[in-house]
Amino acid sequence: MDILRLTLFVGLIFHKLLWEVLKRSDRVAGVPRELSKWPGIWFVKLLKAVVLVFLAVQTLFLDLFPITSQSGPLRTIGTAIYFVGLATAVVGRLRLGKNWVDLEEHQVLPEQSLVTHGIYRYIRHPIYAGDLLLIVGLELALNSWLVLGVFMLIPVVIRQALAEEVQLSQTFPGYTAYCRRTKRFIPFVF
């Protein structure tokens, strides 16, 4: 196993462990978490787990659908994109703190507040943007045509972001003004 694969794997594990540790610390801090009544919640949780396991196994062991035989520059670019994505998602998650909710929970917490500072001053969905960049970077660093699979995720992420924005605009009076000041995924662009 090469050092790049191990580094990418450690990043994936760090991402997942951070989310789990922060989720548990939020619950210990007394933030109520009710599971959604949405019937597909367990399917989404299972799908997320399967994708994570697949990415971990691919990262460590599999060379799937190579893009090129001279992958050096592609791996370098991919690794850079991967770490930008990882950093963006982590900074977004840390900034949200106890205001974070699993995407499949579809709720605004009673004590939740609108976060508009830090990275949220520039984009409304840094975790989604960061996770997409992380996956693009991972697949490029692994020299895999599976990078094209991200195009299937983009409509799902946009749909989720739009649904969250509707929910947040109904909960927080200042959310619409916040949306006018910020971009959804890419600072100053989109």
N, C-alpha and C. Protein backbone atom coordinates (compact mmCIF):
# COMPACT_ATOMS: atom_id res chain seq x y z
N MET A 1 0.85 -1.18 0.00
CA MET A 1 0.00 0.00 0.00
C MET A 1 0.89 1.25 0.00
N ASP A 2 0.54 2.21 -0.82
CA ASP A 2 1.38 3.41 -0.88
C ASP A 2 0.89 4.47 0.12
N ILE A 3 1.75 5.43 0.35
CA ILE A 3 1.48 6.46 1.35
C ILE A 3 0.28 7.33 0.96
N LEU A 4 0.09 7.56 -0.34
CA LEU A 4 -1.05 8.37 -0.78
C LEU A 4 -2.36 7.69 -0.40
N ARG A 5 -2.48 6.42 -0.69
CA ARG A 5 -3.71 5.70 -0.36
C ARG A 5 -3.96 5.71 1.15
N LEU A 6 -2.93 5.50 1.91
CA LEU A 6 -3.07 5.51 3.36
C LEU A 6 -3.49 6.90 3.86
N THR A 7 -2.92 7.93 3.30
CA THR A 7 -3.27 9.31 3.68
C THR A 7 -4.72 9.62 3.35
N LEU A 8 -5.16 9.22 2.16
CA LEU A 8 -6.55 9.44 1.77
C LEU A 8 -7.50 8.67 2.70
N PHE A 9 -7.13 7.44 3.02
CA PHE A 9 -7.95 6.63 3.92
C PHE A 9 -8.05 7.28 5.31
N VAL A 10 -6.93 7.74 5.82
CA VAL A 10 -6.93 8.40 7.14
C VAL A 10 -7.83 9.63 7.11
N GLY A 11 -7.81 10.37 6.01
CA GLY A 11 -8.70 11.53 5.88
C GLY A 11 -10.17 11.14 5.92
N LEU A 12 -10.52 10.06 5.22
CA LEU A 12 -11.90 9.58 5.25
C LEU A 12 -12.32 9.18 6.67
N ILE A 13 -11.45 8.47 7.34
CA ILE A 13 -11.75 8.02 8.70
C ILE A 13 -11.84 9.22 9.65
N PHE A 14 -10.94 10.17 9.51
CA PHE A 14 -10.98 11.39 10.32
C PHE A 14 -12.32 12.10 10.14
N HIS A 15 -12.75 12.25 8.90
CA HIS A 15 -14.02 12.90 8.58
C HIS A 15 -15.16 12.20 9.31
N LYS A 16 -15.25 10.89 9.17
CA LYS A 16 -16.34 10.12 9.78
C LYS A 16 -16.27 10.16 11.31
N LEU A 17 -15.09 9.98 11.87
CA LEU A 17 -14.96 10.01 13.33
C LEU A 17 -15.30 11.37 13.90
N LEU A 18 -14.87 12.43 13.23
CA LEU A 18 -15.19 13.78 13.70
C LEU A 18 -16.70 13.98 13.76
N TRP A 19 -17.39 13.56 12.71
CA TRP A 19 -18.84 13.70 12.69
C TRP A 19 -19.48 12.92 13.84
N GLU A 20 -19.02 11.70 14.06
CA GLU A 20 -19.60 10.88 15.11
C GLU A 20 -19.30 11.46 16.50
N VAL A 21 -18.09 11.90 16.72
CA VAL A 21 -17.73 12.48 18.03
C VAL A 21 -18.53 13.75 18.28
N LEU A 22 -18.63 14.60 17.29
CA LEU A 22 -19.38 15.85 17.47
C LEU A 22 -20.87 15.57 17.65
N LYS A 23 -21.39 14.58 16.93
CA LYS A 23 -22.81 14.23 17.07
C LYS A 23 -23.08 13.77 18.51
N ARG A 24 -22.21 12.95 19.04
CA ARG A 24 -22.40 12.44 20.40
C ARG A 24 -22.20 13.54 21.45
N SER A 25 -21.24 14.43 21.23
CA SER A 25 -21.03 15.51 22.19
C SER A 25 -22.21 16.48 22.18
N ASP A 26 -22.86 16.66 21.04
CA ASP A 26 -24.06 17.50 20.98
C ASP A 26 -25.18 16.87 21.79
N ARG A 27 -25.32 15.55 21.70
CA ARG A 27 -26.37 14.86 22.46
C ARG A 27 -26.10 14.92 23.95
N VAL A 28 -24.83 14.77 24.32
CA VAL A 28 -24.47 14.86 25.74
C VAL A 28 -24.74 16.26 26.27
N ALA A 29 -24.57 17.26 25.42
CA ALA A 29 -24.78 18.64 25.84
C ALA A 29 -26.27 18.96 26.01
N GLY A 30 -27.14 17.97 25.79
CA GLY A 30 -28.56 18.19 26.04
C GLY A 30 -29.34 18.67 24.84
N VAL A 31 -28.76 18.66 23.66
CA VAL A 31 -29.49 19.07 22.47
C VAL A 31 -30.40 17.92 22.07
N PRO A 32 -31.72 18.14 22.05
CA PRO A 32 -32.63 17.04 21.73
C PRO A 32 -32.49 16.61 20.27
N ARG A 33 -32.49 15.32 20.05
CA ARG A 33 -32.41 14.78 18.69
C ARG A 33 -33.53 13.76 18.53
N GLU A 34 -34.54 14.12 17.80
CA GLU A 34 -35.60 13.17 17.52
C GLU A 34 -35.36 12.61 16.13
N LEU A 35 -35.52 11.31 16.00
CA LEU A 35 -35.41 10.72 14.68
C LEU A 35 -36.61 11.15 13.84
N SER A 36 -36.34 11.41 12.61
CA SER A 36 -37.38 11.82 11.68
C SER A 36 -38.40 10.71 11.52
N LYS A 37 -39.63 11.08 11.24
CA LYS A 37 -40.69 10.11 10.96
C LYS A 37 -40.66 9.70 9.49
N TRP A 38 -39.77 10.28 8.73
CA TRP A 38 -39.66 9.98 7.31
C TRP A 38 -39.33 8.51 7.12
N PRO A 39 -40.11 7.77 6.32
CA PRO A 39 -39.92 6.32 6.20
C PRO A 39 -38.60 5.91 5.55
N GLY A 40 -38.01 6.76 4.74
CA GLY A 40 -36.77 6.39 4.05
C GLY A 40 -35.50 6.63 4.84
N ILE A 41 -35.63 7.04 6.12
CA ILE A 41 -34.46 7.43 6.90
C ILE A 41 -33.45 6.29 7.02
N TRP A 42 -33.93 5.08 7.26
CA TRP A 42 -33.00 3.97 7.44
C TRP A 42 -32.34 3.58 6.12
N PHE A 43 -33.06 3.73 5.02
CA PHE A 43 -32.46 3.46 3.71
C PHE A 43 -31.32 4.44 3.44
N VAL A 44 -31.54 5.72 3.72
CA VAL A 44 -30.51 6.74 3.50
C VAL A 44 -29.30 6.47 4.40
N LYS A 45 -29.55 6.13 5.66
CA LYS A 45 -28.44 5.82 6.57
C LYS A 45 -27.65 4.62 6.07
N LEU A 46 -28.35 3.58 5.60
CA LEU A 46 -27.69 2.39 5.07
C LEU A 46 -26.89 2.74 3.81
N LEU A 47 -27.49 3.52 2.93
CA LEU A 47 -26.80 3.92 1.70
C LEU A 47 -25.53 4.71 2.01
N LYS A 48 -25.60 5.63 2.97
CA LYS A 48 -24.41 6.39 3.36
C LYS A 48 -23.32 5.47 3.90
N ALA A 49 -23.70 4.48 4.70
CA ALA A 49 -22.73 3.53 5.26
C ALA A 49 -22.10 2.69 4.16
N VAL A 50 -22.90 2.22 3.22
CA VAL A 50 -22.38 1.41 2.11
C VAL A 50 -21.40 2.22 1.27
N VAL A 51 -21.74 3.46 0.97
CA VAL A 51 -20.85 4.32 0.17
C VAL A 51 -19.54 4.55 0.92
N LEU A 52 -19.60 4.81 2.21
CA LEU A 52 -18.39 5.02 3.00
C LEU A 52 -17.51 3.78 3.00
N VAL A 53 -18.10 2.62 3.20
CA VAL A 53 -17.32 1.37 3.19
C VAL A 53 -16.71 1.16 1.81
N PHE A 54 -17.49 1.37 0.76
CA PHE A 54 -16.95 1.22 -0.60
C PHE A 54 -15.76 2.15 -0.82
N LEU A 55 -15.92 3.43 -0.46
CA LEU A 55 -14.82 4.39 -0.66
C LEU A 55 -13.59 3.99 0.13
N ALA A 56 -13.78 3.50 1.35
CA ALA A 56 -12.64 3.07 2.17
C ALA A 56 -11.93 1.89 1.52
N VAL A 57 -12.69 0.90 1.07
CA VAL A 57 -12.09 -0.27 0.43
C VAL A 57 -11.41 0.12 -0.88
N GLN A 58 -12.08 0.95 -1.66
CA GLN A 58 -11.47 1.41 -2.91
C GLN A 58 -10.17 2.15 -2.62
N THR A 59 -10.20 3.03 -1.63
CA THR A 59 -9.03 3.82 -1.31
C THR A 59 -7.85 2.94 -0.93
N LEU A 60 -8.10 1.92 -0.16
CA LEU A 60 -7.01 1.06 0.31
C LEU A 60 -6.55 0.03 -0.71
N PHE A 61 -7.48 -0.52 -1.49
CA PHE A 61 -7.12 -1.72 -2.24
C PHE A 61 -7.41 -1.72 -3.74
N LEU A 62 -8.36 -0.94 -4.21
CA LEU A 62 -8.85 -1.13 -5.57
C LEU A 62 -8.37 -0.07 -6.56
N ASP A 63 -7.99 -0.53 -7.74
CA ASP A 63 -7.71 0.35 -8.86
C ASP A 63 -8.84 0.15 -9.86
N LEU A 64 -9.85 0.99 -9.78
CA LEU A 64 -11.03 0.82 -10.61
C LEU A 64 -11.07 1.84 -11.75
N PHE A 65 -11.24 1.35 -12.96
CA PHE A 65 -11.45 2.19 -14.13
C PHE A 65 -10.41 3.31 -14.25
N PRO A 66 -9.14 2.96 -14.44
CA PRO A 66 -8.09 3.99 -14.51
C PRO A 66 -8.31 4.98 -15.65
N ILE A 67 -8.05 6.22 -15.36
CA ILE A 67 -8.19 7.30 -16.34
C ILE A 67 -6.98 7.32 -17.27
N THR A 68 -5.81 7.20 -16.69
CA THR A 68 -4.58 7.30 -17.48
C THR A 68 -3.50 6.40 -16.88
N SER A 69 -2.54 6.04 -17.73
CA SER A 69 -1.41 5.24 -17.21
C SER A 69 -0.34 6.14 -16.59
N GLN A 70 -0.34 7.41 -16.92
CA GLN A 70 0.58 8.40 -16.34
C GLN A 70 -0.20 9.26 -15.34
N SER A 71 -0.41 8.73 -14.18
CA SER A 71 -1.35 9.37 -13.25
C SER A 71 -0.73 10.36 -12.28
N GLY A 72 0.56 10.59 -12.35
CA GLY A 72 1.23 11.48 -11.39
C GLY A 72 0.57 12.84 -11.23
N PRO A 73 0.44 13.63 -12.32
CA PRO A 73 -0.18 14.95 -12.18
C PRO A 73 -1.64 14.87 -11.73
N LEU A 74 -2.36 13.88 -12.24
CA LEU A 74 -3.76 13.72 -11.86
C LEU A 74 -3.89 13.41 -10.37
N ARG A 75 -3.02 12.57 -9.87
CA ARG A 75 -3.03 12.25 -8.44
C ARG A 75 -2.71 13.48 -7.58
N THR A 76 -1.79 14.29 -8.05
CA THR A 76 -1.44 15.51 -7.31
C THR A 76 -2.61 16.48 -7.26
N ILE A 77 -3.23 16.71 -8.42
CA ILE A 77 -4.40 17.61 -8.47
C ILE A 77 -5.53 17.05 -7.63
N GLY A 78 -5.78 15.75 -7.77
CA GLY A 78 -6.84 15.11 -6.99
C GLY A 78 -6.61 15.22 -5.49
N THR A 79 -5.38 15.01 -5.07
CA THR A 79 -5.07 15.09 -3.64
C THR A 79 -5.29 16.52 -3.12
N ALA A 80 -4.92 17.51 -3.91
CA ALA A 80 -5.14 18.90 -3.51
C ALA A 80 -6.64 19.18 -3.38
N ILE A 81 -7.43 18.74 -4.36
CA ILE A 81 -8.88 18.95 -4.31
C ILE A 81 -9.48 18.21 -3.11
N TYR A 82 -9.00 17.01 -2.86
CA TYR A 82 -9.46 16.21 -1.73
C TYR A 82 -9.27 16.96 -0.41
N PHE A 83 -8.07 17.51 -0.20
CA PHE A 83 -7.81 18.19 1.07
C PHE A 83 -8.54 19.52 1.18
N VAL A 84 -8.76 20.21 0.05
CA VAL A 84 -9.59 21.42 0.09
C VAL A 84 -11.02 21.04 0.49
N GLY A 85 -11.52 19.96 -0.09
CA GLY A 85 -12.86 19.49 0.26
C GLY A 85 -12.96 19.06 1.70
N LEU A 86 -11.99 18.29 2.17
CA LEU A 86 -11.99 17.83 3.55
C LEU A 86 -11.96 19.03 4.51
N ALA A 87 -11.09 19.98 4.24
CA ALA A 87 -10.98 21.16 5.11
C ALA A 87 -12.28 21.97 5.09
N THR A 88 -12.87 22.14 3.92
CA THR A 88 -14.12 22.91 3.81
C THR A 88 -15.23 22.25 4.61
N ALA A 89 -15.38 20.95 4.46
CA ALA A 89 -16.44 20.23 5.19
C ALA A 89 -16.20 20.28 6.69
N VAL A 90 -14.97 20.06 7.11
CA VAL A 90 -14.65 20.06 8.54
C VAL A 90 -14.86 21.44 9.15
N VAL A 91 -14.40 22.47 8.47
CA VAL A 91 -14.59 23.84 9.00
C VAL A 91 -16.08 24.15 9.08
N GLY A 92 -16.84 23.76 8.06
CA GLY A 92 -18.29 23.98 8.09
C GLY A 92 -18.95 23.26 9.25
N ARG A 93 -18.56 22.01 9.47
CA ARG A 93 -19.15 21.22 10.55
C ARG A 93 -18.79 21.78 11.92
N LEU A 94 -17.53 22.17 12.09
CA LEU A 94 -17.11 22.74 13.37
C LEU A 94 -17.82 24.06 13.64
N ARG A 95 -18.01 24.86 12.60
CA ARG A 95 -18.66 26.16 12.77
C ARG A 95 -20.14 25.98 13.15
N LEU A 96 -20.79 24.96 12.61
CA LEU A 96 -22.20 24.72 12.95
C LEU A 96 -22.37 24.29 14.40
N GLY A 97 -21.42 23.51 14.89
CA GLY A 97 -21.51 23.05 16.28
C GLY A 97 -22.81 22.33 16.56
N LYS A 98 -23.49 22.72 17.63
CA LYS A 98 -24.73 22.04 18.03
C LYS A 98 -25.90 22.33 17.10
N ASN A 99 -25.71 23.19 16.12
CA ASN A 99 -26.77 23.50 15.16
C ASN A 99 -26.85 22.49 14.02
N TRP A 100 -25.91 21.55 13.97
CA TRP A 100 -25.86 20.58 12.89
C TRP A 100 -26.89 19.48 13.10
N VAL A 101 -27.50 19.04 11.99
CA VAL A 101 -28.47 17.95 12.01
C VAL A 101 -28.14 17.04 10.83
N ASP A 102 -28.21 15.72 11.04
CA ASP A 102 -28.03 14.77 9.95
C ASP A 102 -28.97 15.12 8.80
N LEU A 103 -28.50 14.99 7.57
CA LEU A 103 -29.31 15.39 6.42
C LEU A 103 -30.63 14.64 6.34
N GLU A 104 -30.66 13.41 6.81
CA GLU A 104 -31.90 12.65 6.71
C GLU A 104 -32.89 12.94 7.84
N GLU A 105 -32.53 13.76 8.79
CA GLU A 105 -33.43 14.06 9.91
C GLU A 105 -34.48 15.11 9.57
N HIS A 106 -34.24 15.93 8.58
CA HIS A 106 -35.23 16.91 8.09
C HIS A 106 -35.88 17.70 9.23
N GLN A 107 -35.09 18.36 10.04
CA GLN A 107 -35.67 19.13 11.13
C GLN A 107 -34.79 20.32 11.49
N VAL A 108 -35.42 21.29 12.12
CA VAL A 108 -34.70 22.40 12.74
C VAL A 108 -34.87 22.19 14.23
N LEU A 109 -33.76 22.21 14.94
CA LEU A 109 -33.79 21.95 16.38
C LEU A 109 -34.39 23.14 17.13
N PRO A 110 -35.05 22.87 18.25
CA PRO A 110 -35.68 23.96 19.01
C PRO A 110 -34.70 25.05 19.44
N GLU A 111 -33.48 24.66 19.81
CA GLU A 111 -32.50 25.65 20.26
C GLU A 111 -31.53 26.07 19.16
N GLN A 112 -31.84 25.69 17.94
CA GLN A 112 -30.93 25.99 16.82
C GLN A 112 -30.92 27.48 16.53
N SER A 113 -29.75 27.96 16.14
CA SER A 113 -29.62 29.35 15.73
C SER A 113 -29.02 29.40 14.32
N LEU A 114 -29.21 30.50 13.67
CA LEU A 114 -28.70 30.68 12.31
C LEU A 114 -27.21 31.04 12.38
N VAL A 115 -26.39 30.24 11.72
CA VAL A 115 -24.94 30.47 11.70
C VAL A 115 -24.61 31.23 10.41
N THR A 116 -24.07 32.44 10.56
CA THR A 116 -23.76 33.28 9.39
C THR A 116 -22.34 33.82 9.43
N HIS A 117 -21.50 33.26 10.28
CA HIS A 117 -20.14 33.76 10.39
C HIS A 117 -19.16 32.66 9.99
N GLY A 118 -17.89 33.00 9.95
CA GLY A 118 -16.88 32.04 9.50
C GLY A 118 -17.11 31.72 8.04
N ILE A 119 -16.98 30.47 7.68
CA ILE A 119 -17.17 30.05 6.29
C ILE A 119 -18.60 30.30 5.81
N TYR A 120 -19.55 30.32 6.76
CA TYR A 120 -20.95 30.57 6.42
C TYR A 120 -21.20 32.03 6.02
N ARG A 121 -20.24 32.85 6.19
CA ARG A 121 -20.35 34.23 5.72
C ARG A 121 -20.28 34.27 4.19
N TYR A 122 -19.69 33.26 3.59
CA TYR A 122 -19.48 33.22 2.15
C TYR A 122 -20.35 32.21 1.41
N ILE A 123 -20.58 31.05 2.04
CA ILE A 123 -21.43 30.03 1.41
C ILE A 123 -22.35 29.41 2.45
N ARG A 124 -23.53 29.02 1.97
CA ARG A 124 -24.55 28.48 2.87
C ARG A 124 -24.40 26.99 3.13
N HIS A 125 -23.72 26.27 2.25
CA HIS A 125 -23.63 24.81 2.38
C HIS A 125 -22.19 24.31 2.21
N PRO A 126 -21.29 24.72 3.11
CA PRO A 126 -19.89 24.30 2.95
C PRO A 126 -19.68 22.80 3.16
N ILE A 127 -20.52 22.16 3.95
CA ILE A 127 -20.35 20.72 4.16
C ILE A 127 -20.67 19.98 2.87
N TYR A 128 -21.77 20.32 2.23
CA TYR A 128 -22.09 19.68 0.94
C TYR A 128 -21.01 19.95 -0.09
N ALA A 129 -20.62 21.22 -0.21
CA ALA A 129 -19.58 21.58 -1.19
C ALA A 129 -18.28 20.85 -0.88
N GLY A 130 -17.90 20.83 0.38
CA GLY A 130 -16.67 20.16 0.78
C GLY A 130 -16.71 18.66 0.52
N ASP A 131 -17.84 18.03 0.84
CA ASP A 131 -17.93 16.59 0.62
C ASP A 131 -17.88 16.25 -0.87
N LEU A 132 -18.52 17.07 -1.71
CA LEU A 132 -18.43 16.82 -3.16
C LEU A 132 -16.99 16.97 -3.65
N LEU A 133 -16.31 18.02 -3.19
CA LEU A 133 -14.90 18.19 -3.57
C LEU A 133 -14.05 17.03 -3.06
N LEU A 134 -14.32 16.59 -1.85
CA LEU A 134 -13.58 15.47 -1.27
C LEU A 134 -13.71 14.23 -2.16
N ILE A 135 -14.91 13.93 -2.60
CA ILE A 135 -15.12 12.74 -3.43
C ILE A 135 -14.48 12.91 -4.81
N VAL A 136 -14.63 14.09 -5.41
CA VAL A 136 -13.97 14.35 -6.70
C VAL A 136 -12.47 14.18 -6.56
N GLY A 137 -11.91 14.81 -5.54
CA GLY A 137 -10.47 14.72 -5.32
C GLY A 137 -10.01 13.30 -5.05
N LEU A 138 -10.79 12.57 -4.26
CA LEU A 138 -10.44 11.18 -3.96
C LEU A 138 -10.38 10.35 -5.24
N GLU A 139 -11.40 10.45 -6.06
CA GLU A 139 -11.44 9.64 -7.29
C GLU A 139 -10.33 10.05 -8.26
N LEU A 140 -10.04 11.35 -8.33
CA LEU A 140 -8.93 11.78 -9.19
C LEU A 140 -7.60 11.29 -8.63
N ALA A 141 -7.43 11.39 -7.32
CA ALA A 141 -6.19 10.92 -6.70
C ALA A 141 -6.02 9.41 -6.89
N LEU A 142 -7.14 8.70 -6.98
CA LEU A 142 -7.10 7.26 -7.22
C LEU A 142 -7.09 6.94 -8.72
N ASN A 143 -7.08 8.01 -9.56
CA ASN A 143 -7.00 7.83 -11.01
C ASN A 143 -8.18 7.02 -11.54
N SER A 144 -9.38 7.34 -11.07
CA SER A 144 -10.55 6.52 -11.41
C SER A 144 -11.62 7.33 -12.14
N TRP A 145 -12.17 6.69 -13.16
CA TRP A 145 -13.30 7.29 -13.88
C TRP A 145 -14.55 7.36 -13.00
N LEU A 146 -14.52 6.76 -11.84
CA LEU A 146 -15.66 6.88 -10.92
C LEU A 146 -15.89 8.33 -10.50
N VAL A 147 -14.93 9.20 -10.80
CA VAL A 147 -15.10 10.62 -10.54
C VAL A 147 -16.37 11.14 -11.24
N LEU A 148 -16.75 10.53 -12.34
CA LEU A 148 -17.95 10.96 -13.06
C LEU A 148 -19.22 10.68 -12.25
N GLY A 149 -19.13 9.76 -11.29
CA GLY A 149 -20.27 9.47 -10.43
C GLY A 149 -20.72 10.66 -9.61
N VAL A 150 -19.83 11.62 -9.41
CA VAL A 150 -20.18 12.82 -8.66
C VAL A 150 -21.30 13.58 -9.37
N PHE A 151 -21.35 13.49 -10.70
CA PHE A 151 -22.40 14.18 -11.43
C PHE A 151 -23.79 13.64 -11.07
N MET A 152 -23.86 12.39 -10.63
CA MET A 152 -25.14 11.84 -10.17
C MET A 152 -25.50 12.38 -8.78
N LEU A 153 -24.50 12.76 -8.01
CA LEU A 153 -24.75 13.27 -6.66
C LEU A 153 -25.18 14.74 -6.67
N ILE A 154 -24.74 15.49 -7.66
CA ILE A 154 -25.00 16.93 -7.67
C ILE A 154 -26.50 17.26 -7.60
N PRO A 155 -27.37 16.64 -8.41
CA PRO A 155 -28.80 16.97 -8.27
C PRO A 155 -29.37 16.62 -6.90
N VAL A 156 -28.89 15.54 -6.30
CA VAL A 156 -29.35 15.14 -4.97
C VAL A 156 -28.94 16.20 -3.94
N VAL A 157 -27.70 16.65 -4.03
CA VAL A 157 -27.20 17.66 -3.10
C VAL A 157 -27.94 18.98 -3.28
N ILE A 158 -28.16 19.38 -4.52
CA ILE A 158 -28.89 20.64 -4.77
C ILE A 158 -30.31 20.53 -4.23
N ARG A 159 -30.97 19.41 -4.48
CA ARG A 159 -32.33 19.21 -3.98
C ARG A 159 -32.37 19.30 -2.45
N GLN A 160 -31.42 18.67 -1.80
CA GLN A 160 -31.35 18.70 -0.34
C GLN A 160 -31.09 20.12 0.16
N ALA A 161 -30.17 20.82 -0.47
CA ALA A 161 -29.86 22.20 -0.06
C ALA A 161 -31.08 23.10 -0.21
N LEU A 162 -31.81 22.95 -1.32
CA LEU A 162 -33.00 23.76 -1.53
C LEU A 162 -34.07 23.46 -0.48
N ALA A 163 -34.26 22.18 -0.16
CA ALA A 163 -35.24 21.81 0.86
C ALA A 163 -34.85 22.39 2.22
N GLU A 164 -33.57 22.34 2.55
CA GLU A 164 -33.11 22.91 3.82
C GLU A 164 -33.33 24.42 3.83
N GLU A 165 -33.08 25.06 2.71
CA GLU A 165 -33.25 26.51 2.66
C GLU A 165 -34.71 26.91 2.87
N VAL A 166 -35.64 26.14 2.32
CA VAL A 166 -37.06 26.42 2.54
C VAL A 166 -37.38 26.28 4.02
N GLN A 167 -36.91 25.20 4.62
CA GLN A 167 -37.17 24.96 6.04
C GLN A 167 -36.55 26.06 6.91
N LEU A 168 -35.32 26.45 6.61
CA LEU A 168 -34.65 27.48 7.40
C LEU A 168 -35.29 28.85 7.20
N SER A 169 -35.77 29.14 5.99
CA SER A 169 -36.42 30.44 5.76
C SER A 169 -37.76 30.52 6.50
N GLN A 170 -38.40 29.38 6.73
CA GLN A 170 -39.64 29.36 7.50
C GLN A 170 -39.38 29.49 8.99
N THR A 171 -38.18 29.14 9.43
CA THR A 171 -37.84 29.15 10.85
C THR A 171 -37.17 30.45 11.29
N PHE A 172 -36.26 30.94 10.45
CA PHE A 172 -35.46 32.12 10.81
C PHE A 172 -35.84 33.31 9.93
N PRO A 173 -36.37 34.38 10.53
CA PRO A 173 -36.79 35.55 9.75
C PRO A 173 -35.65 36.17 8.92
N GLY A 174 -34.41 36.08 9.39
CA GLY A 174 -33.30 36.70 8.68
C GLY A 174 -32.68 35.82 7.60
N TYR A 175 -33.23 34.63 7.40
CA TYR A 175 -32.59 33.69 6.47
C TYR A 175 -32.64 34.17 5.02
N THR A 176 -33.74 34.76 4.61
CA THR A 176 -33.87 35.24 3.22
C THR A 176 -32.83 36.32 2.93
N ALA A 177 -32.63 37.24 3.86
CA ALA A 177 -31.61 38.29 3.69
C ALA A 177 -30.22 37.66 3.65
N TYR A 178 -30.00 36.66 4.50
CA TYR A 178 -28.72 35.93 4.50
C TYR A 178 -28.47 35.29 3.14
N CYS A 179 -29.50 34.71 2.56
CA CYS A 179 -29.36 34.08 1.23
C CYS A 179 -28.98 35.09 0.17
N ARG A 180 -29.48 36.29 0.27
CA ARG A 180 -29.13 37.34 -0.72
C ARG A 180 -27.66 37.75 -0.59
N ARG A 181 -27.09 37.63 0.60
CA ARG A 181 -25.69 38.03 0.83
C ARG A 181 -24.69 36.95 0.51
N THR A 182 -25.12 35.70 0.42
CA THR A 182 -24.19 34.59 0.28
C THR A 182 -24.50 33.76 -0.97
N LYS A 183 -23.58 32.92 -1.32
CA LYS A 183 -23.78 31.96 -2.41
C LYS A 183 -24.05 30.60 -1.79
N ARG A 184 -24.60 29.71 -2.58
CA ARG A 184 -25.00 28.40 -2.07
C ARG A 184 -23.81 27.48 -1.84
N PHE A 185 -22.92 27.35 -2.83
CA PHE A 185 -21.83 26.36 -2.74
C PHE A 185 -20.44 26.92 -3.00
N ILE A 186 -20.33 27.88 -3.91
CA ILE A 186 -19.03 28.41 -4.31
C ILE A 186 -18.99 29.89 -4.00
N PRO A 187 -18.08 30.32 -3.14
CA PRO A 187 -18.03 31.74 -2.77
C PRO A 187 -17.98 32.67 -3.99
N PHE A 188 -18.82 33.70 -3.97
CA PHE A 188 -18.87 34.74 -5.00
C PHE A 188 -19.34 34.25 -6.37
N VAL A 189 -19.69 32.96 -6.52
CA VAL A 189 -20.04 32.41 -7.83
C VAL A 189 -21.44 31.80 -7.83
N PHE A 190 -21.62 30.71 -7.07
CA PHE A 190 -22.89 29.97 -7.09
C PHE A 190 -23.21 29.45 -5.71
